[in-house]
Protein backbone atom coordinates (compact mmCIF):
# COMPACT_ATOMS: atom_id res chain seq x y z
CA MET A 1 117.72 80.05 82.59
CA CYS A 2 114.60 81.98 83.49
CA ALA A 3 113.08 78.89 85.12
CA ALA A 4 116.22 78.36 87.20
CA TRP A 5 116.05 81.93 88.49
CA LYS A 6 112.40 81.37 89.41
CA VAL A 7 113.33 78.22 91.35
CA PHE A 8 116.13 80.08 93.12
CA CYS A 9 113.91 83.02 94.07
CA LEU A 10 111.07 80.76 95.20
CA SER A 11 113.38 78.70 97.40
CA ALA A 12 114.90 81.86 98.89
CA ILE A 13 111.41 83.17 99.70
CA ILE A 14 110.42 79.85 101.28
CA LEU A 15 113.64 79.83 103.30
CA ALA A 16 113.01 83.34 104.59
CA ALA A 17 109.39 82.51 105.42
CA ALA A 18 110.31 79.33 107.29
CA VAL A 19 113.01 81.05 109.33
CA GLY A 20 110.71 83.98 110.07
CA LEU A 21 107.88 81.69 111.15
CA ALA A 22 110.25 79.70 113.35
CA HIS A 23 111.37 82.85 115.14
CA LEU A 24 107.80 84.09 115.41
CA LEU A 25 106.02 80.90 116.47
CA VAL A 26 108.62 78.91 118.43
CA PRO A 27 111.44 81.28 119.45
CA ASP A 28 112.53 79.47 122.64
CA VAL A 29 112.45 75.87 121.48
CA VAL A 30 115.79 74.09 121.66
CA PRO A 31 116.71 70.48 120.83
CA VAL A 32 115.34 68.04 123.38
CA GLY A 33 118.73 67.05 124.79
CA TYR A 34 119.64 70.66 125.64
CA ALA A 35 116.36 71.61 127.31
CA GLU A 36 116.48 72.09 131.06
CA GLU A 37 112.74 72.55 131.48
CA PRO A 38 109.96 70.59 129.76
CA GLN A 39 108.83 71.84 126.37
CA ALA A 40 105.53 71.32 124.62
CA SER A 41 105.69 68.51 122.10
CA SER A 42 103.69 70.56 119.60
CA ALA A 43 106.32 73.31 119.78
CA ILE A 44 109.10 70.79 119.24
CA LEU A 45 107.28 69.29 116.25
CA ALA A 46 106.57 72.71 114.77
CA ALA A 47 110.22 73.71 115.17
CA PHE A 48 111.33 70.46 113.56
CA VAL A 49 109.03 70.89 110.55
CA LEU A 50 110.01 74.53 110.04
CA ARG A 51 113.69 73.65 110.34
CA ALA A 52 113.30 70.83 107.80
CA ILE A 53 111.55 73.17 105.37
CA ALA A 54 114.24 75.82 105.83
CA LEU A 55 117.10 73.37 105.29
CA THR A 56 115.46 71.87 102.20
CA ALA A 57 114.85 75.32 100.71
CA ALA A 58 118.44 76.32 101.46
CA TRP A 59 119.81 73.25 99.66
CA VAL A 60 117.57 73.87 96.66
CA ALA A 61 118.76 77.49 96.52
CA ILE A 62 122.42 76.47 96.77
CA ILE A 63 122.15 73.78 94.11
CA THR A 64 120.24 76.09 91.76
CA LEU A 65 122.76 78.88 92.23
CA VAL A 66 125.68 76.53 91.53
CA LEU A 67 123.98 75.32 88.35
CA LEU A 68 123.28 78.89 87.24
CA VAL A 69 126.88 79.92 87.80
CA GLY A 70 128.10 76.81 85.97
CA ALA A 71 125.83 77.49 82.99
CA THR A 72 126.94 81.12 82.86
CA LEU A 73 130.62 80.16 82.95
CA ARG A 74 130.05 77.54 80.27
CA GLN A 75 128.44 80.12 78.00
CA MET A 76 131.26 82.58 78.65
CA PHE A 77 134.01 80.09 77.84
CA ARG A 78 132.15 78.71 74.84
CA ARG A 79 131.88 82.22 73.31
CA THR A 80 135.54 83.10 73.89
CA ALA A 81 137.01 79.80 72.65
CA PRO A 82 138.61 80.15 69.21
CA ARG A 83 137.07 78.05 66.48
CA GLN A 84 139.29 75.60 64.70
CA SER A 85 138.47 74.23 61.29
């Protein structure tokens, strides 16, 4: 379980870093279809990469948290179940 918590914390840190970098480096970049004025292609690519990293880290965090909760519930119910012989 300790390794799962490490994965969860690492993915949460990566998610926060990617979102923070996106707001710091490319705050005004919007999807190409919604842009009224031309945008630099490097800014669009940077925003895309940071968004992909953030979404991947978010999914890893969610999946890890669900597995941790499931393992905890399994241990709880396994301890409280009466033993039959």
